[in-house]
């Protein structure tokens, strides 16, 4: 199993289709299809099912998606940390906030953060606790 296969699979599930994933990743549809089929062969399990509405994960695909998304996020953070230690790249931070905080607190907090860390990337995810809590990574 290769990282590119996992990346392609995640893009297909998140995009809802092979065409959208190919556009998102900037590679051809046949390359995505081949990659996902190879991943399925490596895992000895069908991960995706075509429907009239697009591509949806099978039960095995949903289970793999949940774990693969976490693993991919961890590997991305590891690569970012290595890059930062080498002085090549600015850091990033992701925060999850409720709707009220997004309006009342976040704009000023982001402005203060930007003044202190101008090169940092900030990603704000708005949602409710039940949707944000599964995305929290404990250190």
Protein backbone atom coordinates (compact mmCIF):
# COMPACT_ATOMS: atom_id res chain seq x y z
CA UNK A 1 0.00 0.00 0.00
CA UNK A 2 1.41 3.37 -1.05
CA UNK A 3 0.70 6.83 0.34
CA UNK A 4 -0.47 8.00 -3.10
CA UNK A 5 -3.09 5.23 -3.16
CA UNK A 6 -4.41 6.35 0.21
CA UNK A 7 -4.40 9.99 -0.91
CA UNK A 8 -6.32 9.11 -4.05
CA UNK A 9 -8.86 7.01 -2.14
CA UNK A 10 -9.43 9.81 0.38
CA UNK A 11 -9.94 12.32 -2.43
CA UNK A 12 -12.51 10.07 -4.15
CA UNK A 13 -14.53 9.61 -0.97
CA UNK A 14 -14.29 13.27 0.06
CA UNK A 15 -15.15 14.48 -3.46
CA UNK A 16 -17.89 11.94 -4.05
CA UNK A 17 -16.52 10.80 -7.38
CA UNK A 18 -13.50 9.90 -9.44
CA UNK A 19 -13.82 12.84 -11.83
CA UNK A 20 -13.98 15.37 -8.96
CA UNK A 21 -11.05 13.69 -7.19
CA UNK A 22 -8.99 13.77 -10.39
CA UNK A 23 -9.66 17.50 -10.80
CA UNK A 24 -8.85 18.14 -7.15
CA UNK A 25 -5.55 16.26 -7.33
CA UNK A 26 -4.64 17.34 -10.84
CA UNK A 27 -4.26 13.82 -12.22
CA UNK A 28 -6.20 11.78 -14.75
CA UNK A 29 -9.32 9.76 -14.01
CA UNK A 30 -7.72 6.52 -15.24
CA UNK A 31 -4.78 7.09 -12.87
CA UNK A 32 -7.16 7.50 -9.92
CA UNK A 33 -9.14 4.42 -10.93
CA UNK A 34 -5.98 2.33 -11.29
CA UNK A 35 -4.67 3.56 -7.95
CA UNK A 36 -7.89 2.74 -6.08
CA UNK A 37 -8.17 -0.67 -7.73
CA UNK A 38 -4.58 -1.42 -6.74
CA UNK A 39 -5.36 -0.37 -3.16
CA UNK A 40 -8.42 -2.63 -3.15
CA UNK A 41 -6.26 -5.50 -4.40
CA UNK A 42 -3.67 -4.84 -1.68
CA UNK A 43 -6.42 -4.88 0.96
CA UNK A 44 -8.33 -7.77 -0.62
CA UNK A 45 -11.54 -5.80 -0.25
CA UNK A 46 -13.82 -3.65 -2.36
CA UNK A 47 -13.71 -0.11 -0.97
CA UNK A 48 -15.94 1.83 -3.36
CA UNK A 49 -19.30 1.29 -5.01
CA UNK A 50 -20.63 3.24 -7.97
CA UNK A 51 -24.17 4.60 -7.63
CA UNK A 52 -26.28 6.93 -9.77
CA UNK A 53 -25.34 9.70 -7.31
CA UNK A 54 -21.60 9.04 -7.60
CA UNK A 55 -19.11 6.87 -5.79
CA UNK A 56 -19.76 5.84 -2.19
CA UNK A 57 -17.62 3.79 0.17
CA UNK A 58 -18.66 0.24 0.99
CA UNK A 59 -18.76 -0.74 4.68
CA UNK A 60 -15.11 -1.79 4.32
CA UNK A 61 -14.41 1.49 2.57
CA UNK A 62 -15.98 3.52 5.38
CA UNK A 63 -13.89 1.70 7.97
CA UNK A 64 -10.71 2.18 5.94
CA UNK A 65 -11.57 5.83 5.23
CA UNK A 66 -11.87 6.66 8.94
CA UNK A 67 -8.45 5.21 9.75
CA UNK A 68 -6.76 6.37 6.54
CA UNK A 69 -7.90 9.96 7.06
CA UNK A 70 -6.33 10.03 10.53
CA UNK A 71 -3.13 8.36 9.30
CA UNK A 72 -2.85 10.75 6.35
CA UNK A 73 -3.35 13.77 8.63
CA UNK A 74 -0.63 12.50 10.95
CA UNK A 75 1.79 11.94 8.09
CA UNK A 76 1.06 15.42 6.74
CA UNK A 77 1.74 16.94 10.15
CA UNK A 78 4.97 14.93 10.43
CA UNK A 79 6.15 16.23 7.06
CA UNK A 80 5.21 19.78 8.08
CA UNK A 81 7.16 19.46 11.34
CA UNK A 82 10.25 18.22 9.52
CA UNK A 83 9.93 21.11 7.08
CA UNK A 84 9.55 23.61 9.92
CA UNK A 85 12.58 22.25 11.74
CA UNK A 86 14.55 22.80 8.55
CA UNK A 87 13.30 26.39 8.43
CA UNK A 88 11.60 25.86 5.07
CA UNK A 89 7.98 26.47 5.90
CA UNK A 90 5.63 28.41 8.16
CA UNK A 91 3.50 26.52 10.66
CA UNK A 92 -0.22 25.98 10.53
CA UNK A 93 -2.98 25.72 13.08
CA UNK A 94 -6.51 24.37 12.81
CA UNK A 95 -9.21 25.21 15.28
CA UNK A 96 -12.79 24.14 15.66
CA UNK A 97 -15.36 26.57 16.98
CA UNK A 98 -19.07 26.78 17.51
CA UNK A 99 -21.19 29.22 15.49
CA UNK A 100 -21.39 31.85 18.25
CA UNK A 101 -17.63 31.80 18.86
CA UNK A 102 -17.04 32.03 15.11
CA UNK A 103 -18.87 35.34 15.09
CA UNK A 104 -17.99 36.80 18.47
CA UNK A 105 -14.46 35.63 19.31
CA UNK A 106 -12.62 34.21 16.32
CA UNK A 107 -12.14 37.37 14.21
CA UNK A 108 -10.27 39.20 16.99
CA UNK A 109 -8.37 36.06 18.05
CA UNK A 110 -7.24 35.42 14.47
CA UNK A 111 -6.17 39.06 14.07
CA UNK A 112 -4.06 38.86 17.24
CA UNK A 113 -2.59 35.53 16.20
CA UNK A 114 -1.71 36.93 12.75
CA UNK A 115 0.12 39.88 14.32
CA UNK A 116 2.22 37.52 16.41
CA UNK A 117 2.69 34.81 13.74
CA UNK A 118 2.33 36.45 10.31
CA UNK A 119 3.58 33.44 8.31
CA UNK A 120 1.32 30.89 10.02
CA UNK A 121 -1.62 29.38 8.16
CA UNK A 122 -4.93 29.32 10.04
CA UNK A 123 -7.81 26.99 9.22
CA UNK A 124 -11.05 27.57 11.14
CA UNK A 125 -13.67 24.82 11.17
CA UNK A 126 -17.12 25.86 12.32
CA UNK A 127 -19.48 23.27 13.72
CA UNK A 128 -21.05 21.75 16.78
CA UNK A 129 -19.29 19.64 19.38
CA UNK A 130 -20.61 16.31 18.09
CA UNK A 131 -19.17 17.06 14.65
CA UNK A 132 -15.87 18.60 15.77
CA UNK A 133 -14.94 16.29 18.64
CA UNK A 134 -14.10 13.27 16.43
CA UNK A 135 -11.61 15.47 14.57
CA UNK A 136 -9.63 16.36 17.70
CA UNK A 137 -6.20 14.79 17.93
CA UNK A 138 -4.89 14.17 21.43
CA UNK A 139 -1.20 14.56 21.97
